[in-house]
Amino acid sequence: MTAALTHQEIYERIYSAISERRLLPGMKLSEERLAQTFRTHRARIREVLMRLNQEMVIELRANRGAFVACPTPRDLQDVFDMRRALERAIVIQLAERHGGQPVVALRSHVQSEDEARASGDRARLAQLTGEFHVQLALITENRMFSDTLRRLSALTSLAIAQYDALAAGACPPHEHAELVAAIEQGDVKRAERLMLDHLDHVEQGIQHPTSEPAELDFEQIFQLPSHRPGPAAKPARKRG
């Protein structure tokens, strides 16, 4: 029998599904269905949804329930304004600290992106390109950087999913590799400029929505084993 997931594990599953665009903007998150999917009670699901609402990736609507957030154009502008300020500071710090030495974690990540791009795995590529920016923040070992950027990255993923579900051009090829090279060379000015240009390209690559997202299967989204009720018993036939 599979062990019950903790509050944190449920939070991470939902958060990852949003960040990786398996849960799309506007999708309704039924407390009852989520409780059935995670084999838990609705009170725990409600606590997780409230936490996600505070992080702006879930919207709680009065008398309607919880929905994956749908960022507005103004929300998108605010997110990228914040990302420019934060990620500029991150790459400056990394270039000053790591100049003259290889950053193995970043090189490995870029290689994984190249492999996903070469194989045509667009879903994997979208996941990796988003994670690259969080990885930069993690390497600074500044938790405020990494926690904040993680939230901003999730909001960016929502905008990309809303405006362009495949987001093939969200992170142009080679730009991450060029950033890593500038950091390893200790070229602070170049790293700063490349990051700001890169974020401009990401923002410009987000297109307006063309269709409404289809409802997906929760077991599939959260990568959990299927758990569905058996067929309803047929009513007994009357005799005589």
Protein backbone atom coordinates (compact mmCIF):
# COMPACT_ATOMS: atom_id res chain seq x y z
CA MET A 1 0.00 0.00 0.00
CA THR A 2 1.37 3.41 -1.03
CA ALA A 3 2.22 5.71 1.90
CA ALA A 4 0.14 8.87 2.19
CA LEU A 5 1.81 12.01 0.87
CA THR A 6 2.65 14.79 3.32
CA HIS A 7 1.39 18.37 3.09
CA GLN A 8 4.77 19.43 1.63
CA GLU A 9 4.78 16.61 -0.92
CA ILE A 10 1.30 17.50 -2.15
CA TYR A 11 2.35 21.15 -2.38
CA GLU A 12 5.45 20.21 -4.38
CA ARG A 13 3.43 17.99 -6.76
CA ILE A 14 0.92 20.75 -7.53
CA TYR A 15 3.62 23.43 -7.73
CA SER A 16 5.72 21.33 -10.13
CA ALA A 17 2.70 20.56 -12.31
CA ILE A 18 2.08 24.30 -12.64
CA SER A 19 5.74 25.20 -13.23
CA GLU A 20 6.11 22.45 -15.83
CA ARG A 21 2.83 23.46 -17.55
CA ARG A 22 1.01 20.20 -16.90
CA LEU A 23 -1.64 22.26 -15.11
CA LEU A 24 -2.69 25.09 -17.41
CA PRO A 25 -3.98 28.59 -16.60
CA GLY A 26 -7.68 28.70 -15.82
CA MET A 27 -7.96 25.02 -14.92
CA LYS A 28 -10.30 24.39 -11.98
CA LEU A 29 -8.73 22.57 -9.04
CA SER A 30 -11.54 20.73 -7.33
CA GLU A 31 -10.80 20.09 -3.66
CA GLU A 32 -12.80 16.86 -3.81
CA ARG A 33 -10.99 15.54 -6.89
CA LEU A 34 -7.59 16.52 -5.52
CA ALA A 35 -8.37 14.85 -2.21
CA GLN A 36 -9.32 11.65 -4.06
CA THR A 37 -6.22 11.85 -6.25
CA PHE A 38 -3.82 12.31 -3.32
CA ARG A 39 -5.77 9.92 -1.03
CA THR A 40 -6.18 12.59 1.65
CA HIS A 41 -8.85 14.78 3.20
CA ARG A 42 -10.14 18.05 1.78
CA ALA A 43 -8.87 20.09 4.75
CA ARG A 44 -5.26 19.28 3.80
CA ILE A 45 -5.92 20.12 0.15
CA ARG A 46 -7.50 23.42 1.21
CA GLU A 47 -4.37 24.31 3.23
CA VAL A 48 -2.14 23.59 0.22
CA LEU A 49 -4.33 25.66 -2.11
CA MET A 50 -4.30 28.59 0.31
CA ARG A 51 -0.50 28.44 0.41
CA LEU A 52 -0.35 28.43 -3.39
CA ASN A 53 -2.80 31.31 -3.50
CA GLN A 54 -0.42 33.36 -1.33
CA GLU A 55 2.29 32.67 -3.92
CA MET A 56 -0.05 33.92 -6.68
CA VAL A 57 -0.02 30.72 -8.74
CA ILE A 58 -3.53 29.73 -7.61
CA GLU A 59 -6.60 31.98 -7.52
CA LEU A 60 -9.31 31.35 -4.91
CA ARG A 61 -12.61 32.70 -6.19
CA ALA A 62 -15.54 33.23 -3.84
CA ASN A 63 -18.22 30.55 -4.22
CA ARG A 64 -16.40 29.07 -7.22
CA GLY A 65 -13.30 27.37 -5.82
CA ALA A 66 -9.63 27.27 -6.81
CA PHE A 67 -8.23 27.86 -10.29
CA VAL A 68 -4.75 27.93 -11.76
CA ALA A 69 -3.88 31.62 -12.08
CA CYS A 70 -4.25 33.43 -15.41
CA PRO A 71 -1.63 36.21 -15.48
CA THR A 72 -2.78 39.43 -17.11
CA PRO A 73 -0.52 41.49 -19.41
CA ARG A 74 0.13 43.80 -16.44
CA ASP A 75 1.03 40.81 -14.26
CA LEU A 76 3.47 39.68 -16.93
CA GLN A 77 5.09 43.10 -17.10
CA ASP A 78 5.45 43.20 -13.31
CA VAL A 79 7.00 39.71 -13.25
CA PHE A 80 9.61 40.59 -15.85
CA ASP A 81 10.42 43.92 -14.20
CA MET A 82 11.14 41.99 -11.01
CA ARG A 83 13.08 39.29 -12.85
CA ARG A 84 15.32 41.86 -14.53
CA ALA A 85 16.25 43.41 -11.20
CA LEU A 86 16.76 40.06 -9.44
CA GLU A 87 18.52 38.08 -12.16
CA ARG A 88 20.84 40.96 -13.00
CA ALA A 89 22.02 40.87 -9.37
CA ILE A 90 22.36 37.08 -9.50
CA VAL A 91 24.61 36.93 -12.58
CA ILE A 92 26.76 39.80 -11.32
CA GLN A 93 27.36 37.92 -8.07
CA LEU A 94 28.08 34.65 -9.88
CA ALA A 95 30.51 36.25 -12.36
CA GLU A 96 32.39 37.93 -9.50
CA ARG A 97 32.53 34.71 -7.49
CA HIS A 98 33.12 32.05 -10.16
CA GLY A 99 35.21 33.94 -12.75
CA GLY A 100 38.12 31.81 -13.94
CA GLN A 101 36.61 28.46 -13.00
CA PRO A 102 34.04 26.13 -14.61
CA VAL A 103 30.56 25.94 -13.11
CA VAL A 104 29.87 22.25 -13.64
CA ALA A 105 26.20 22.32 -12.61
CA LEU A 106 25.40 25.01 -15.19
CA ARG A 107 27.37 23.31 -17.96
CA SER A 108 25.56 20.04 -17.28
CA HIS A 109 22.19 21.77 -17.30
CA VAL A 110 22.85 23.48 -20.64
CA GLN A 111 23.94 20.12 -22.08
CA SER A 112 20.62 18.59 -20.99
CA GLU A 113 18.81 21.46 -22.72
CA ASP A 114 20.77 20.81 -25.93
CA GLU A 115 19.89 17.12 -25.81
CA ALA A 116 16.19 17.85 -25.30
CA ARG A 117 16.26 20.37 -28.15
CA ALA A 118 18.05 17.92 -30.48
CA SER A 119 15.58 15.12 -29.72
CA GLY A 120 12.57 17.38 -30.24
CA ASP A 121 11.34 16.85 -26.67
CA ARG A 122 9.63 20.23 -26.32
CA ALA A 123 8.00 19.48 -22.97
CA ARG A 124 11.34 18.50 -21.44
CA LEU A 125 13.02 21.52 -23.02
CA ALA A 126 10.39 23.88 -21.59
CA GLN A 127 10.95 22.39 -18.13
CA LEU A 128 14.73 22.65 -18.35
CA THR A 129 14.85 26.21 -19.68
CA GLY A 130 12.72 27.36 -16.76
CA GLU A 131 14.83 25.44 -14.26
CA PHE A 132 18.05 27.04 -15.59
CA HIS A 133 17.17 30.38 -14.03
CA VAL A 134 16.31 28.80 -10.69
CA GLN A 135 19.62 26.92 -10.85
CA LEU A 136 21.49 30.21 -11.22
CA ALA A 137 19.81 31.49 -8.06
CA LEU A 138 20.52 28.27 -6.14
CA ILE A 139 24.24 28.52 -6.89
CA THR A 140 24.40 31.90 -5.13
CA GLU A 141 23.37 30.06 -1.92
CA ASN A 142 21.11 33.02 -1.15
CA ARG A 143 17.75 31.57 -0.15
CA MET A 144 15.94 34.86 -0.73
CA PHE A 145 17.19 34.83 -4.32
CA SER A 146 16.21 31.22 -4.97
CA ASP A 147 12.81 31.31 -3.24
CA THR A 148 11.79 34.54 -4.98
CA LEU A 149 13.01 33.42 -8.38
CA ARG A 150 11.23 30.09 -8.00
CA ARG A 151 7.93 31.95 -7.58
CA LEU A 152 8.67 34.29 -10.48
CA SER A 153 9.61 31.34 -12.67
CA ALA A 154 6.31 29.63 -11.90
CA LEU A 155 4.39 32.80 -12.80
CA THR A 156 6.38 33.05 -16.04
CA SER A 157 5.51 29.43 -16.86
CA LEU A 158 1.84 30.24 -16.33
CA ALA A 159 2.08 33.18 -18.71
CA ILE A 160 3.87 31.07 -21.32
CA ALA A 161 1.28 28.31 -20.98
CA GLN A 162 -1.54 30.84 -21.28
CA TYR A 163 -0.14 32.73 -24.26
CA ASP A 164 1.73 29.95 -26.07
CA ALA A 165 1.20 26.42 -24.77
CA LEU A 166 4.31 24.99 -26.47
CA ALA A 167 6.49 28.06 -25.94
CA ALA A 168 9.00 26.77 -28.47
CA GLY A 169 10.83 30.09 -28.69
CA ALA A 170 10.59 31.21 -25.06
CA CYS A 171 14.32 30.66 -24.41
CA PRO A 172 16.26 31.11 -27.67
CA PRO A 173 19.01 28.53 -28.37
CA HIS A 174 22.59 29.30 -27.23
CA GLU A 175 21.65 32.18 -24.90
CA HIS A 176 21.99 30.08 -21.75
CA ALA A 177 25.36 28.74 -22.95
CA GLU A 178 26.58 32.28 -23.61
CA LEU A 179 25.52 33.33 -20.12
CA VAL A 180 27.40 30.43 -18.55
CA ALA A 181 30.52 31.34 -20.54
CA ALA A 182 30.38 34.96 -19.38
CA ILE A 183 30.00 33.86 -15.75
CA GLU A 184 32.93 31.44 -15.99
CA GLN A 185 35.09 34.14 -17.60
CA GLY A 186 34.24 36.55 -14.78
CA ASP A 187 32.97 39.06 -17.33
CA VAL A 188 30.49 40.92 -15.11
CA LYS A 189 29.38 43.50 -17.69
CA ARG A 190 28.82 40.89 -20.41
CA ALA A 191 26.93 38.56 -18.05
CA GLU A 192 24.71 41.44 -16.96
CA ARG A 193 23.98 42.51 -20.55
CA LEU A 194 23.35 38.95 -21.74
CA MET A 195 20.87 38.31 -18.94
CA LEU A 196 18.90 41.49 -19.60
CA ASP A 197 18.83 40.79 -23.35
CA HIS A 198 17.79 37.20 -22.68
CA LEU A 199 14.87 38.20 -20.47
CA ASP A 200 13.78 40.69 -23.14
CA HIS A 201 13.75 37.85 -25.67
CA VAL A 202 11.77 35.57 -23.35
CA GLU A 203 9.16 38.27 -22.71
CA GLN A 204 8.89 39.13 -26.40
CA GLY A 205 8.47 35.44 -27.27
CA ILE A 206 5.28 35.08 -25.23
CA GLN A 207 2.30 35.26 -27.58
CA HIS A 208 -1.36 35.98 -26.95
CA PRO A 209 -3.67 33.00 -26.21
CA THR A 210 -5.40 31.28 -29.10
CA SER A 211 -7.54 28.67 -27.33
CA GLU A 212 -8.84 27.56 -23.94
CA PRO A 213 -6.90 24.81 -22.14
CA ALA A 214 -8.47 21.37 -22.11
CA GLU A 215 -9.11 19.62 -18.81
CA LEU A 216 -6.47 17.01 -18.02
CA ASP A 217 -6.50 13.86 -15.93
CA PHE A 218 -5.26 14.57 -12.39
CA GLU A 219 -3.62 11.17 -11.93
CA GLN A 220 -1.64 11.76 -15.11
CA ILE A 221 -0.76 15.35 -14.19
CA PHE A 222 0.58 14.46 -10.75
CA GLN A 223 2.17 11.22 -11.99
CA LEU A 224 0.27 9.08 -9.51
CA PRO A 225 -1.11 5.57 -10.04
CA SER A 226 -4.65 5.52 -11.35
CA HIS A 227 -7.30 5.07 -8.69
CA ARG A 228 -10.80 4.95 -10.06
CA PRO A 229 -13.96 3.48 -8.56
CA GLY A 230 -15.11 0.22 -10.05
CA PRO A 231 -18.25 -0.01 -12.18
CA ALA A 232 -21.50 0.60 -10.36
CA ALA A 233 -23.35 -2.56 -9.44
CA LYS A 234 -26.29 -3.34 -11.69
CA PRO A 235 -29.68 -3.29 -9.95
CA ALA A 236 -31.10 -6.70 -9.19
CA ARG A 237 -33.74 -7.89 -11.65
CA LYS A 238 -37.18 -8.26 -10.21
CA ARG A 239 -38.58 -11.76 -10.21
CA GLY A 240 -42.08 -12.71 -11.15
